[in-house]
Amino acid sequence: MSSSSSDKVRASHILIKHQGSRRKASWKDPEGRIISNTTRDAAVSQLKSLRDDIVSGKSKFEDVASRYSDCSSAKRGGDLGSFGRNQMQKPFEEATYALKVGEMSDIVDTDSGVHIIIRTA
């Protein structure tokens, strides 16, 4: 699969931060109290159940992102806009580029926390 560096993707994500996250504060936990007490396993299991709700059609990705994501993109339903290569953390970039448009990733680990990503363009 060859791709030129001008290939941009667009994605939305849901981020759950945990003890191992690089920055332990978020828009909904400015003191980082909850995040500091959240293990990676707990973050993953929360994210898995949210993902199941989205897959089963019980919840919409945007709604889940705006309620639960620890990223400020939550205010836009998780939308990160478009980005090219080398703009995101490597695991995030690789996961996004591997998705087809409209497809949702499994759990992706980065220095920021654990994510699920949906590629939108």
PDB file of N, CA and C in Angstrom:
ATOM      1  N   MET A   1       0.851  -1.196   0.000  1.00  0.00           N
ATOM      2  CA  MET A   1       0.000   0.000   0.000  1.00  0.00           C
ATOM      3  C   MET A   1       0.882   1.239   0.000  1.00  0.00           C
ATOM      4  N   SER A   2       0.946   1.922  -1.115  1.00  0.00           N
ATOM      5  CA  SER A   2       1.771   3.133  -1.133  1.00  0.00           C
ATOM      6  C   SER A   2       0.876   4.337  -0.919  1.00  0.00           C
ATOM      7  N   SER A   3       1.374   5.290  -0.194  1.00  0.00           N
ATOM      8  CA  SER A   3       0.599   6.504   0.004  1.00  0.00           C
ATOM      9  C   SER A   3       1.551   7.688   0.043  1.00  0.00           C
ATOM     10  N   SER A   4       1.128   8.752  -0.578  1.00  0.00           N
ATOM     11  CA  SER A   4       1.980   9.944  -0.573  1.00  0.00           C
ATOM     12  C   SER A   4       1.759  10.694   0.727  1.00  0.00           C
ATOM     13  N   SER A   5       2.718  11.521   1.087  1.00  0.00           N
ATOM     14  CA  SER A   5       2.632  12.192   2.380  1.00  0.00           C
ATOM     15  C   SER A   5       1.513  13.233   2.406  1.00  0.00           C
ATOM     16  N   SER A   6       0.925  13.513   1.233  1.00  0.00           N
ATOM     17  CA  SER A   6      -0.156  14.497   1.213  1.00  0.00           C
ATOM     18  C   SER A   6      -1.494  13.850   1.565  1.00  0.00           C
ATOM     19  N   ASP A   7      -1.488  12.527   1.713  1.00  0.00           N
ATOM     20  CA  ASP A   7      -2.716  11.833   2.079  1.00  0.00           C
ATOM     21  C   ASP A   7      -3.126  12.236   3.486  1.00  0.00           C
ATOM     22  N   LYS A   8      -4.290  12.867   3.576  1.00  0.00           N
ATOM     23  CA  LYS A   8      -4.775  13.223   4.900  1.00  0.00           C
ATOM     24  C   LYS A   8      -5.941  12.326   5.281  1.00  0.00           C
ATOM     25  N   VAL A   9      -6.097  12.148   6.552  1.00  0.00           N
ATOM     26  CA  VAL A   9      -7.235  11.404   7.066  1.00  0.00           C
ATOM     27  C   VAL A   9      -7.978  12.325   8.027  1.00  0.00           C
ATOM     28  N   ARG A  10      -9.194  11.950   8.330  1.00  0.00           N
ATOM     29  CA  ARG A  10      -9.926  12.679   9.353  1.00  0.00           C
ATOM     30  C   ARG A  10     -10.487  11.649  10.314  1.00  0.00           C
ATOM     31  N   ALA A  11     -10.426  11.964  11.574  1.00  0.00           N
ATOM     32  CA  ALA A  11     -10.856  10.978  12.564  1.00  0.00           C
ATOM     33  C   ALA A  11     -11.482  11.649  13.770  1.00  0.00           C
ATOM     34  N   SER A  12     -12.297  10.859  14.457  1.00  0.00           N
ATOM     35  CA  SER A  12     -12.815  11.236  15.766  1.00  0.00           C
ATOM     36  C   SER A  12     -12.335  10.168  16.735  1.00  0.00           C
ATOM     37  N   HIS A  13     -12.206  10.542  17.991  1.00  0.00           N
ATOM     38  CA  HIS A  13     -11.765   9.529  18.955  1.00  0.00           C
ATOM     39  C   HIS A  13     -12.398   9.766  20.307  1.00  0.00           C
ATOM     40  N   ILE A  14     -12.306   8.724  21.119  1.00  0.00           N
ATOM     41  CA  ILE A  14     -12.694   8.807  22.524  1.00  0.00           C
ATOM     42  C   ILE A  14     -11.441   8.419  23.297  1.00  0.00           C
ATOM     43  N   LEU A  15     -11.019   9.293  24.167  1.00  0.00           N
ATOM     44  CA  LEU A  15      -9.808   9.077  24.963  1.00  0.00           C
ATOM     45  C   LEU A  15     -10.192   8.895  26.424  1.00  0.00           C
ATOM     46  N   ILE A  16      -9.676   7.839  27.020  1.00  0.00           N
ATOM     47  CA  ILE A  16      -9.796   7.683  28.469  1.00  0.00           C
ATOM     48  C   ILE A  16      -8.373   7.717  29.036  1.00  0.00           C
ATOM     49  N   LYS A  17      -8.123   8.698  29.876  1.00  0.00           N
ATOM     50  CA  LYS A  17      -6.800   8.823  30.493  1.00  0.00           C
ATOM     51  C   LYS A  17      -6.712   7.926  31.726  1.00  0.00           C
ATOM     52  N   HIS A  18      -5.499   7.595  32.109  1.00  0.00           N
ATOM     53  CA  HIS A  18      -5.289   6.743  33.285  1.00  0.00           C
ATOM     54  C   HIS A  18      -3.967   7.114  33.952  1.00  0.00           C
ATOM     55  N   GLN A  19      -3.625   6.374  35.007  1.00  0.00           N
ATOM     56  CA  GLN A  19      -2.411   6.661  35.798  1.00  0.00           C
ATOM     57  C   GLN A  19      -1.161   6.800  34.948  1.00  0.00           C
ATOM     58  N   GLY A  20      -1.089   6.039  33.869  1.00  0.00           N
ATOM     59  CA  GLY A  20       0.116   6.039  33.050  1.00  0.00           C
ATOM     60  C   GLY A  20       0.118   7.133  31.987  1.00  0.00           C
ATOM     61  N   SER A  21      -0.930   7.937  31.956  1.00  0.00           N
ATOM     62  CA  SER A  21      -1.020   8.971  30.934  1.00  0.00           C
ATOM     63  C   SER A  21       0.000  10.071  31.167  1.00  0.00           C
ATOM     64  N   ARG A  22       0.452  10.647  30.091  1.00  0.00           N
ATOM     65  CA  ARG A  22       1.481  11.673  30.147  1.00  0.00           C
ATOM     66  C   ARG A  22       1.002  12.897  30.920  1.00  0.00           C
ATOM     67  N   ARG A  23      -0.237  13.323  30.637  1.00  0.00           N
ATOM     68  CA  ARG A  23      -0.800  14.454  31.395  1.00  0.00           C
ATOM     69  C   ARG A  23      -2.054  13.980  32.090  1.00  0.00           C
ATOM     70  N   LYS A  24      -2.102  14.172  33.399  1.00  0.00           N
ATOM     71  CA  LYS A  24      -3.202  13.598  34.156  1.00  0.00           C
ATOM     72  C   LYS A  24      -4.315  14.593  34.452  1.00  0.00           C
ATOM     73  N   ALA A  25      -4.516  15.539  33.563  1.00  0.00           N
ATOM     74  CA  ALA A  25      -5.655  16.439  33.750  1.00  0.00           C
ATOM     75  C   ALA A  25      -6.444  16.422  32.463  1.00  0.00           C
ATOM     76  N   SER A  26      -7.737  16.679  32.566  1.00  0.00           N
ATOM     77  CA  SER A  26      -8.542  16.802  31.363  1.00  0.00           C
ATOM     78  C   SER A  26      -9.620  17.825  31.620  1.00  0.00           C
ATOM     79  N   TRP A  27     -10.353  18.163  30.566  1.00  0.00           N
ATOM     80  CA  TRP A  27     -11.403  19.180  30.712  1.00  0.00           C
ATOM     81  C   TRP A  27     -12.424  18.771  31.761  1.00  0.00           C
ATOM     82  N   LYS A  28     -12.651  17.467  31.945  1.00  0.00           N
ATOM     83  CA  LYS A  28     -13.645  17.100  32.936  1.00  0.00           C
ATOM     84  C   LYS A  28     -13.051  16.677  34.268  1.00  0.00           C
ATOM     85  N   ASP A  29     -11.739  16.612  34.316  1.00  0.00           N
ATOM     86  CA  ASP A  29     -11.040  16.274  35.567  1.00  0.00           C
ATOM     87  C   ASP A  29      -9.809  17.168  35.674  1.00  0.00           C
ATOM     88  N   PRO A  30     -10.042  18.484  35.836  1.00  0.00           N
ATOM     89  CA  PRO A  30      -8.938  19.456  35.767  1.00  0.00           C
ATOM     90  C   PRO A  30      -7.849  19.215  36.812  1.00  0.00           C
ATOM     91  N   GLU A  31      -8.240  18.663  37.953  1.00  0.00           N
ATOM     92  CA  GLU A  31      -7.249  18.373  38.995  1.00  0.00           C
ATOM     93  C   GLU A  31      -6.535  17.050  38.739  1.00  0.00           C
ATOM     94  N   GLY A  32      -7.097  16.247  37.851  1.00  0.00           N
ATOM     95  CA  GLY A  32      -6.516  14.947  37.546  1.00  0.00           C
ATOM     96  C   GLY A  32      -6.714  13.921  38.653  1.00  0.00           C
ATOM     97  N   ARG A  33      -7.686  14.167  39.529  1.00  0.00           N
ATOM     98  CA  ARG A  33      -7.900  13.263  40.665  1.00  0.00           C
ATOM     99  C   ARG A  33      -8.396  11.899  40.229  1.00  0.00           C
ATOM    100  N   ILE A  34      -9.429  11.918  39.372  1.00  0.00           N
ATOM    101  CA  ILE A  34     -10.012  10.652  38.908  1.00  0.00           C
ATOM    102  C   ILE A  34      -8.982   9.905  38.061  1.00  0.00           C
ATOM    103  N   ILE A  35      -8.337  10.642  37.173  1.00  0.00           N
ATOM    104  CA  ILE A  35      -7.379  10.038  36.254  1.00  0.00           C
ATOM    105  C   ILE A  35      -6.230   9.370  37.021  1.00  0.00           C
ATOM    106  N   SER A  36      -5.749  10.026  38.060  1.00  0.00           N
ATOM    107  CA  SER A  36      -4.636   9.471  38.844  1.00  0.00           C
ATOM    108  C   SER A  36      -5.016   8.176  39.538  1.00  0.00           C
ATOM    109  N   ASN A  37      -6.322   7.987  39.762  1.00  0.00           N
ATOM    110  CA  ASN A  37      -6.783   6.772  40.431  1.00  0.00           C
ATOM    111  C   ASN A  37      -7.286   5.716  39.459  1.00  0.00           C
ATOM    112  N   THR A  38      -7.201   5.991  38.173  1.00  0.00           N
ATOM    113  CA  THR A  38      -7.706   5.055  37.170  1.00  0.00           C
ATOM    114  C   THR A  38      -6.554   4.209  36.643  1.00  0.00           C
ATOM    115  N   THR A  39      -6.653   2.910  36.802  1.00  0.00           N
ATOM    116  CA  THR A  39      -5.623   2.040  36.234  1.00  0.00           C
ATOM    117  C   THR A  39      -5.855   1.916  34.735  1.00  0.00           C
ATOM    118  N   ARG A  40      -4.828   1.478  34.023  1.00  0.00           N
ATOM    119  CA  ARG A  40      -4.999   1.267  32.585  1.00  0.00           C
ATOM    120  C   ARG A  40      -6.092   0.226  32.333  1.00  0.00           C
ATOM    121  N   ASP A  41      -6.099  -0.835  33.156  1.00  0.00           N
ATOM    122  CA  ASP A  41      -7.106  -1.883  32.981  1.00  0.00           C
ATOM    123  C   ASP A  41      -8.523  -1.338  33.134  1.00  0.00           C
ATOM    124  N   ALA A  42      -8.702  -0.465  34.110  1.00  0.00           N
ATOM    125  CA  ALA A  42     -10.022   0.122  34.328  1.00  0.00           C
ATOM    126  C   ALA A  42     -10.417   1.005  33.144  1.00  0.00           C
ATOM    127  N   ALA A  43      -9.441   1.765  32.636  1.00  0.00           N
ATOM    128  CA  ALA A  43      -9.704   2.626  31.480  1.00  0.00           C
ATOM    129  C   ALA A  43     -10.081   1.781  30.270  1.00  0.00           C
ATOM    130  N   VAL A  44      -9.353   0.685  30.067  1.00  0.00           N
ATOM    131  CA  VAL A  44      -9.633  -0.203  28.937  1.00  0.00           C
ATOM    132  C   VAL A  44     -11.019  -0.823  29.068  1.00  0.00           C
ATOM    133  N   SER A  45     -11.366  -1.290  30.280  1.00  0.00           N
ATOM    134  CA  SER A  45     -12.676  -1.934  30.382  1.00  0.00           C
ATOM    135  C   SER A  45     -13.805  -0.925  30.214  1.00  0.00           C
ATOM    136  N   GLN A  46     -13.617   0.302  30.686  1.00  0.00           N
ATOM    137  CA  GLN A  46     -14.630   1.334  30.443  1.00  0.00           C
ATOM    138  C   GLN A  46     -14.782   1.582  28.942  1.00  0.00           C
ATOM    139  N   LEU A  47     -13.646   1.703  28.276  1.00  0.00           N
ATOM    140  CA  LEU A  47     -13.654   1.986  26.846  1.00  0.00           C
ATOM    141  C   LEU A  47     -14.278   0.837  26.060  1.00  0.00           C
ATOM    142  N   LYS A  48     -13.986  -0.401  26.482  1.00  0.00           N
ATOM    143  CA  LYS A  48     -14.569  -1.559  25.801  1.00  0.00           C
ATOM    144  C   LYS A  48     -16.085  -1.559  25.914  1.00  0.00           C
ATOM    145  N   SER A  49     -16.595  -1.240  27.104  1.00  0.00           N
ATOM    146  CA  SER A  49     -18.052  -1.266  27.231  1.00  0.00           C
ATOM    147  C   SER A  49     -18.684  -0.111  26.450  1.00  0.00           C
ATOM    148  N   LEU A  50     -18.016   1.036  26.401  1.00  0.00           N
ATOM    149  CA  LEU A  50     -18.521   2.143  25.577  1.00  0.00           C
ATOM    150  C   LEU A  50     -18.529   1.739  24.104  1.00  0.00           C
ATOM    151  N   ARG A  51     -17.444   1.058  23.695  1.00  0.00           N
ATOM    152  CA  ARG A  51     -17.333   0.616  22.300  1.00  0.00           C
ATOM    153  C   ARG A  51     -18.453  -0.374  21.962  1.00  0.00           C
ATOM    154  N   ASP A  52     -18.730  -1.298  22.899  1.00  0.00           N
ATOM    155  CA  ASP A  52     -19.814  -2.262  22.681  1.00  0.00           C
ATOM    156  C   ASP A  52     -21.150  -1.556  22.480  1.00  0.00           C
ATOM    157  N   ASP A  53     -21.379  -0.512  23.274  1.00  0.00           N
ATOM    158  CA  ASP A  53     -22.630   0.246  23.147  1.00  0.00           C
ATOM    159  C   ASP A  53     -22.737   0.905  21.776  1.00  0.00           C
ATOM    160  N   ILE A  54     -21.597   1.391  21.266  1.00  0.00           N
ATOM    161  CA  ILE A  54     -21.591   2.043  19.952  1.00  0.00           C
ATOM    162  C   ILE A  54     -21.821   1.002  18.857  1.00  0.00           C
ATOM    163  N   VAL A  55     -21.109  -0.130  18.960  1.00  0.00           N
ATOM    164  CA  VAL A  55     -21.228  -1.190  17.961  1.00  0.00           C
ATOM    165  C   VAL A  55     -22.654  -1.739  17.908  1.00  0.00           C
ATOM    166  N   SER A  56     -23.252  -1.909  19.080  1.00  0.00           N
ATOM    167  CA  SER A  56     -24.599  -2.484  19.131  1.00  0.00           C
ATOM    168  C   SER A  56     -25.673  -1.470  18.729  1.00  0.00           C
ATOM    169  N   GLY A  57     -25.275  -0.212  18.582  1.00  0.00           N
ATOM    170  CA  GLY A  57     -26.236   0.812  18.188  1.00  0.00           C
ATOM    171  C   GLY A  57     -26.967   1.437  19.362  1.00  0.00           C
ATOM    172  N   LYS A  58     -26.591   1.040  20.578  1.00  0.00           N
ATOM    173  CA  LYS A  58     -27.228   1.583  21.781  1.00  0.00           C
ATOM    174  C   LYS A  58     -26.854   3.055  21.967  1.00  0.00           C
ATOM    175  N   SER A  59     -25.619   3.382  21.606  1.00  0.00           N
ATOM    176  CA  SER A  59     -25.137   4.760  21.748  1.00  0.00           C
ATOM    177  C   SER A  59     -24.523   5.226  20.442  1.00  0.00           C
ATOM    178  N   LYS A  60     -24.517   6.543  20.270  1.00  0.00           N
ATOM    179  CA  LYS A  60     -23.833   7.115  19.116  1.00  0.00           C
ATOM    180  C   LYS A  60     -22.423   7.549  19.513  1.00  0.00           C
ATOM    181  N   PHE A  61     -21.482   7.334  18.611  1.00  0.00           N
ATOM    182  CA  PHE A  61     -20.084   7.665  18.881  1.00  0.00           C
ATOM    183  C   PHE A  61     -19.947   9.093  19.405  1.00  0.00           C
ATOM    184  N   GLU A  62     -20.584  10.045  18.710  1.00  0.00           N
ATOM    185  CA  GLU A  62     -20.456  11.467  19.073  1.00  0.00           C
ATOM    186  C   GLU A  62     -20.938  11.721  20.498  1.00  0.00           C
ATOM    187  N   ASP A  63     -22.050  11.075  20.856  1.00  0.00           N
ATOM    188  CA  ASP A  63     -22.618  11.295  22.189  1.00  0.00           C
ATOM    189  C   ASP A  63     -21.696  10.738  23.263  1.00  0.00           C
ATOM    190  N   VAL A  64     -21.165   9.552  22.995  1.00  0.00           N
ATOM    191  CA  VAL A  64     -20.252   8.922  23.948  1.00  0.00           C
ATOM    192  C   VAL A  64     -19.002   9.785  24.102  1.00  0.00           C
ATOM    193  N   ALA A  65     -18.464  10.246  22.961  1.00  0.00           N
ATOM    194  CA  ALA A  65     -17.267  11.084  23.006  1.00  0.00           C
ATOM    195  C   ALA A  65     -17.528  12.349  23.819  1.00  0.00           C
ATOM    196  N   SER A  66     -18.660  12.989  23.574  1.00  0.00           N
ATOM    197  CA  SER A  66     -18.879  14.264  24.257  1.00  0.00           C
ATOM    198  C   SER A  66     -19.098  14.084  25.751  1.00  0.00           C
ATOM    199  N   ARG A  67     -19.566  12.907  26.162  1.00  0.00           N
ATOM    200  CA  ARG A  67     -19.756  12.653  27.599  1.00  0.00           C
ATOM    201  C   ARG A  67     -18.538  12.089  28.295  1.00  0.00           C
ATOM    202  N   TYR A  68     -17.807  11.209  27.618  1.00  0.00           N
ATOM    203  CA  TYR A  68     -16.791  10.435  28.325  1.00  0.00           C
ATOM    204  C   TYR A  68     -15.350  10.721  27.941  1.00  0.00           C
ATOM    205  N   SER A  69     -15.128  11.305  26.763  1.00  0.00           N
ATOM    206  CA  SER A  69     -13.742  11.452  26.323  1.00  0.00           C
ATOM    207  C   SER A  69     -13.000  12.464  27.177  1.00  0.00           C
ATOM    208  N   ASP A  70     -11.736  12.136  27.504  1.00  0.00           N
ATOM    209  CA  ASP A  70     -10.890  13.042  28.272  1.00  0.00           C
ATOM    210  C   ASP A  70     -10.142  14.023  27.378  1.00  0.00           C
ATOM    211  N   CYS A  71     -10.467  14.040  26.098  1.00  0.00           N
ATOM    212  CA  CYS A  71      -9.821  14.976  25.172  1.00  0.00           C
ATOM    213  C   CYS A  71     -10.740  16.169  24.958  1.00  0.00           C
ATOM    214  N   SER A  72     -10.166  17.343  24.757  1.00  0.00           N
ATOM    215  CA  SER A  72     -10.997  18.525  24.537  1.00  0.00           C
ATOM    216  C   SER A  72     -11.818  18.408  23.254  1.00  0.00           C
ATOM    217  N   SER A  73     -11.453  17.471  22.372  1.00  0.00           N
ATOM    218  CA  SER A  73     -12.248  17.240  21.163  1.00  0.00           C
ATOM    219  C   SER A  73     -13.644  16.706  21.511  1.00  0.00           C
ATOM    220  N   ALA A  74     -13.838  16.327  22.769  1.00  0.00           N
ATOM    221  CA  ALA A  74     -15.160  15.865  23.223  1.00  0.00           C
ATOM    222  C   ALA A  74     -16.237  16.880  22.878  1.00  0.00           C
ATOM    223  N   LYS A  75     -15.883  18.146  22.974  1.00  0.00           N
ATOM    224  CA  LYS A  75     -16.862  19.207  22.692  1.00  0.00           C
ATOM    225  C   LYS A  75     -17.302  19.198  21.234  1.00  0.00           C
ATOM    226  N   ARG A  76     -16.537  18.523  20.379  1.00  0.00           N
ATOM    227  CA  ARG A  76     -16.908  18.395  18.959  1.00  0.00           C
ATOM    228  C   ARG A  76     -17.287  16.957  18.640  1.00  0.00           C
ATOM    229  N   GLY A  77     -17.772  16.222  19.640  1.00  0.00           N
ATOM    230  CA  GLY A  77     -18.149  14.835  19.423  1.00  0.00           C
ATOM    231  C   GLY A  77     -16.957  13.958  19.115  1.00  0.00           C
ATOM    232  N   GLY A  78     -15.776  14.409  19.554  1.00  0.00           N
ATOM    233  CA  GLY A  78     -14.566  13.622  19.373  1.00  0.00           C
ATOM    234  C   GLY A  78     -13.798  13.943  18.098  1.00  0.00           C
ATOM    235  N   ASP A  79     -14.333  14.854  17.304  1.00  0.00           N
ATOM    236  CA  ASP A  79     -13.702  15.148  16.001  1.00  0.00           C
ATOM    237  C   ASP A  79     -12.357  15.842  16.159  1.00  0.00           C
ATOM    238  N   LEU A  80     -11.344  15.278  15.515  1.00  0.00           N
ATOM    239  CA  LEU A  80      -9.996  15.858  15.554  1.00  0.00           C
ATOM    240  C   LEU A  80      -9.682  16.632  14.280  1.00  0.00           C
ATOM    241  N   GLY A  81     -10.622  16.648  13.347  1.00  0.00           N
ATOM    242  CA  GLY A  81     -10.342  17.280  12.061  1.00  0.00           C
ATOM    243  C   GLY A  81      -9.418  16.394  11.245  1.00  0.00           C
ATOM    244  N   SER A  82      -8.861  16.960  10.181  1.00  0.00           N
ATOM    245  CA  SER A  82      -7.999  16.121   9.355  1.00  0.00           C
ATOM    246  C   SER A  82      -6.544  16.334   9.719  1.00  0.00           C
ATOM    247  N   PHE A  83      -5.763  15.298   9.493  1.00  0.00           N
ATOM    248  CA  PHE A  83      -4.339  15.375   9.791  1.00  0.00           C
ATOM    249  C   PHE A  83      -3.580  14.464   8.841  1.00  0.00           C
ATOM    250  N   GLY A  84      -2.303  14.767   8.694  1.00  0.00           N
ATOM    251  CA  GLY A  84      -1.448  13.965   7.829  1.00  0.00           C
ATOM    252  C   GLY A  84      -0.483  13.138   8.655  1.00  0.00           C
ATOM    253  N   ARG A  85       0.467  12.550   7.987  1.00  0.00           N
ATOM    254  CA  ARG A  85       1.468  11.738   8.672  1.00  0.00           C
ATOM    255  C   ARG A  85       2.313  12.590   9.613  1.00  0.00           C
ATOM    256  N   ASN A  86       2.777  11.983  10.684  1.00  0.00           N
ATOM    257  CA  ASN A  86       3.695  12.616  11.648  1.00  0.00           C
ATOM    258  C   ASN A  86       3.097  13.785  12.415  1.00  0.00           C
ATOM    259  N   GLN A  87       1.772  13.855  12.487  1.00  0.00           N
ATOM    260  CA  GLN A  87       1.151  14.919  13.281  1.00  0.00           C
ATOM    261  C   GLN A  87       0.610  14.385  14.597  1.00  0.00           C
ATOM    262  N   MET A  88       0.365  13.087  14.635  1.00  0.00           N
ATOM    263  CA  MET A  88      -0.186  12.456  15.828  1.00  0.00           C
ATOM    264  C   MET A  88       0.854  11.495  16.394  1.00  0.00           C
ATOM    265  N   GLN A  89       0.597  11.008  17.615  1.00  0.00           N
ATOM    266  CA  GLN A  89       1.478   9.980  18.148  1.00  0.00           C
ATOM    267  C   GLN A  89       1.405   8.755  17.228  1.00  0.00           C
ATOM    268  N   LYS A  90       2.554   8.107  17.077  1.00  0.00           N
ATOM    269  CA  LYS A  90       2.686   7.039  16.086  1.00  0.00           C
ATOM    270  C   LYS A  90       1.586   5.962  16.171  1.00  0.00           C
ATOM    271  N   PRO A  91       1.302   5.405  17.344  1.00  0.00           N
ATOM    272  CA  PRO A  91       0.293   4.338  17.390  1.00  0.00           C
ATOM    273  C   PRO A  91      -1.078   4.840  16.939  1.00  0.00           C
ATOM    274  N   PHE A  92      -1.362   6.112  17.257  1.00  0.00           N
ATOM    275  CA  PHE A  92      -2.643   6.709  16.882  1.00  0.00           C
ATOM    276  C   PHE A  92      -2.710   6.866  15.369  1.00  0.00           C
ATOM    277  N   GLU A  93      -1.631   7.390  14.804  1.00  0.00           N
ATOM    278  CA  GLU A  93      -1.552   7.572  13.360  1.00  0.00           C
ATOM    279  C   GLU A  93      -1.699   6.240  12.637  1.00  0.00           C
ATOM    280  N   GLU A  94      -0.935   5.241  13.080  1.00  0.00           N
ATOM    281  CA  GLU A  94      -0.967   3.952  12.404  1.00  0.00           C
ATOM    282  C   GLU A  94      -2.348   3.322  12.457  1.00  0.00           C
ATOM    283  N   ALA A  95      -2.995   3.426  13.614  1.00  0.00           N
ATOM    284  CA  ALA A  95      -4.336   2.854  13.756  1.00  0.00           C
ATOM    285  C   ALA A  95      -5.325   3.561  12.828  1.00  0.00           C
ATOM    286  N   THR A  96      -5.224   4.884  12.756  1.00  0.00           N
ATOM    287  CA  THR A  96      -6.163   5.642  11.926  1.00  0.00           C
ATOM    288  C   THR A  96      -5.983   5.326  10.448  1.00  0.00           C
ATOM    289  N   TYR A  97      -4.743   5.311   9.999  1.00  0.00           N
ATOM    290  CA  TYR A  97      -4.479   5.031   8.590  1.00  0.00           C
ATOM    291  C   TYR A  97      -4.866   3.602   8.205  1.00  0.00           C
ATOM    292  N   ALA A  98      -4.891   2.705   9.177  1.00  0.00           N
ATOM    293  CA  ALA A  98      -5.240   1.310   8.891  1.00  0.00           C
ATOM    294  C   ALA A  98      -6.755   1.113   8.752  1.00  0.00           C
ATOM    295  N   LEU A  99      -7.527   2.088   9.227  1.00  0.00           N
ATOM    296  CA  LEU A  99      -8.985   1.962   9.169  1.00  0.00           C
ATOM    297  C   LEU A  99      -9.520   2.376   7.806  1.00  0.00           C
ATOM    298  N   LYS A 100     -10.649   1.784   7.430  1.00  0.00           N
ATOM    299  CA  LYS A 100     -11.394   2.294   6.286  1.00  0.00           C
ATOM    300  C   LYS A 100     -12.298   3.403   6.811  1.00  0.00           C
ATOM    301  N   VAL A 101     -12.735   4.285   5.918  1.00  0.00           N
ATOM    302  CA  VAL A 101     -13.644   5.357   6.329  1.00  0.00           C
ATOM    303  C   VAL A 101     -14.910   4.731   6.919  1.00  0.00           C
ATOM    304  N   GLY A 102     -15.301   5.229   8.091  1.00  0.00           N
ATOM    305  CA  GLY A 102     -16.491   4.716   8.755  1.00  0.00           C
ATOM    306  C   GLY A 102     -16.207   3.556   9.691  1.00  0.00           C
ATOM    307  N   GLU A 103     -14.965   3.093   9.689  1.00  0.00           N
ATOM    308  CA  GLU A 103     -14.589   1.948  10.520  1.00  0.00           C
ATOM    309  C   GLU A 103     -14.068   2.432  11.871  1.00  0.00           C
ATOM    310  N   MET A 104     -14.298   1.608  12.902  1.00  0.00           N
ATOM    311  CA  MET A 104     -13.864   1.962  14.246  1.00  0.00           C
ATOM    312  C   MET A 104     -12.754   1.025  14.704  1.00  0.00           C
ATOM    313  N   SER A 105     -11.771   1.598  15.383  1.00  0.00           N
ATOM    314  CA  SER A 105     -10.622   0.804  15.825  1.00  0.00           C
ATOM    315  C   SER A 105     -10.955   0.009  17.075  1.00  0.00           C
ATOM    316  N   ASP A 106     -10.054  -0.917  17.406  1.00  0.00           N
ATOM    317  CA  ASP A 106     -10.057  -1.513  18.727  1.00  0.00           C
ATOM    318  C   ASP A 106      -9.378  -0.520  19.667  1.00  0.00           C
ATOM    319  N   ILE A 107      -9.045  -0.979  20.864  1.00  0.00           N
ATOM    320  CA  ILE A 107      -8.371  -0.131  21.832  1.00  0.00           C
ATOM    321  C   ILE A 107      -6.958   0.205  21.324  1.00  0.00           C
ATOM    322  N   VAL A 108      -6.624   1.483  21.331  1.00  0.00           N
ATOM    323  CA  VAL A 108      -5.289   1.924  20.912  1.00  0.00           C
ATOM    324  C   VAL A 108      -4.624   2.622  22.099  1.00  0.00           C
ATOM    325  N   ASP A 109      -3.405   2.194  22.401  1.00  0.00           N
ATOM    326  CA  ASP A 109      -2.646   2.784  23.507  1.00  0.00           C
ATOM    327  C   ASP A 109      -1.702   3.863  23.005  1.00  0.00           C
ATOM    328  N   THR A 110      -1.713   5.033  23.637  1.00  0.00           N
ATOM    329  CA  THR A 110      -0.676   6.036  23.374  1.00  0.00           C
ATOM    330  C   THR A 110      -0.212   6.594  24.715  1.00  0.00           C
ATOM    331  N   ASP A 111       0.728   7.530  24.669  1.00  0.00           N
ATOM    332  CA  ASP A 111       1.182   8.189  25.896  1.00  0.00           C
ATOM    333  C   ASP A 111       0.058   8.990  26.548  1.00  0.00           C
ATOM    334  N   SER A 112      -0.967   9.316  25.777  1.00  0.00           N
ATOM    335  CA  SER A 112      -2.072  10.106  26.323  1.00  0.00           C
ATOM    336  C   SER A 112      -3.062   9.259  27.106  1.00  0.00           C
ATOM    337  N   GLY A 113      -3.155   7.984  26.755  1.00  0.00           N
ATOM    338  CA  GLY A 113      -4.131   7.123  27.395  1.00  0.00           C
ATOM    339  C   GLY A 113      -4.587   6.055  26.417  1.00  0.00           C
ATOM    340  N   VAL A 114      -5.827   5.579  26.595  1.00  0.00           N
ATOM    341  CA  VAL A 114      -6.371   4.591  25.673  1.00  0.00           C
ATOM    342  C   VAL A 114      -7.482   5.233  24.853  1.00  0.00           C
ATOM    343  N   HIS A 115      -7.518   4.860  23.581  1.00  0.00           N
ATOM    344  CA  HIS A 115      -8.452   5.489  22.643  1.00  0.00           C
ATOM    345  C   HIS A 115      -9.242   4.433  21.872  1.00  0.00           C
ATOM    346  N   ILE A 116     -10.426   4.841  21.396  1.00  0.00           N
ATOM    347  CA  ILE A 116     -10.995   4.188  20.219  1.00  0.00           C
ATOM    348  C   ILE A 116     -11.154   5.291  19.182  1.00  0.00           C
ATOM    349  N   ILE A 117     -10.876   4.921  17.958  1.00  0.00           N
ATOM    350  CA  ILE A 117     -10.815   5.894  16.872  1.00  0.00           C
ATOM    351  C   ILE A 117     -11.800   5.493  15.795  1.00  0.00           C
ATOM    352  N   ILE A 118     -12.483   6.463  15.240  1.00  0.00           N
ATOM    353  CA  ILE A 118     -13.309   6.197  14.078  1.00  0.00           C
ATOM    354  C   ILE A 118     -12.797   7.095  12.960  1.00  0.00           C
ATOM    355  N   ARG A 119     -12.526   6.483  11.820  1.00  0.00           N
ATOM    356  CA  ARG A 119     -12.040   7.272  10.689  1.00  0.00           C
ATOM    357  C   ARG A 119     -13.231   7.837   9.938  1.00  0.00           C
ATOM    358  N   THR A 120     -13.251   9.138   9.733  1.00  0.00           N
ATOM    359  CA  THR A 120     -14.424   9.774   9.127  1.00  0.00           C
ATOM    360  C   THR A 120     -14.168  10.266   7.701  1.00  0.00           C
ATOM    361  N   ALA A 121     -12.911  10.320   7.276  1.00  0.00           N
ATOM    362  CA  ALA A 121     -12.612  10.715   5.901  1.00  0.00           C
ATOM    363  C   ALA A 121     -11.211  10.246   5.538  1.00  0.00           C
TER     364      ALA A 121
END
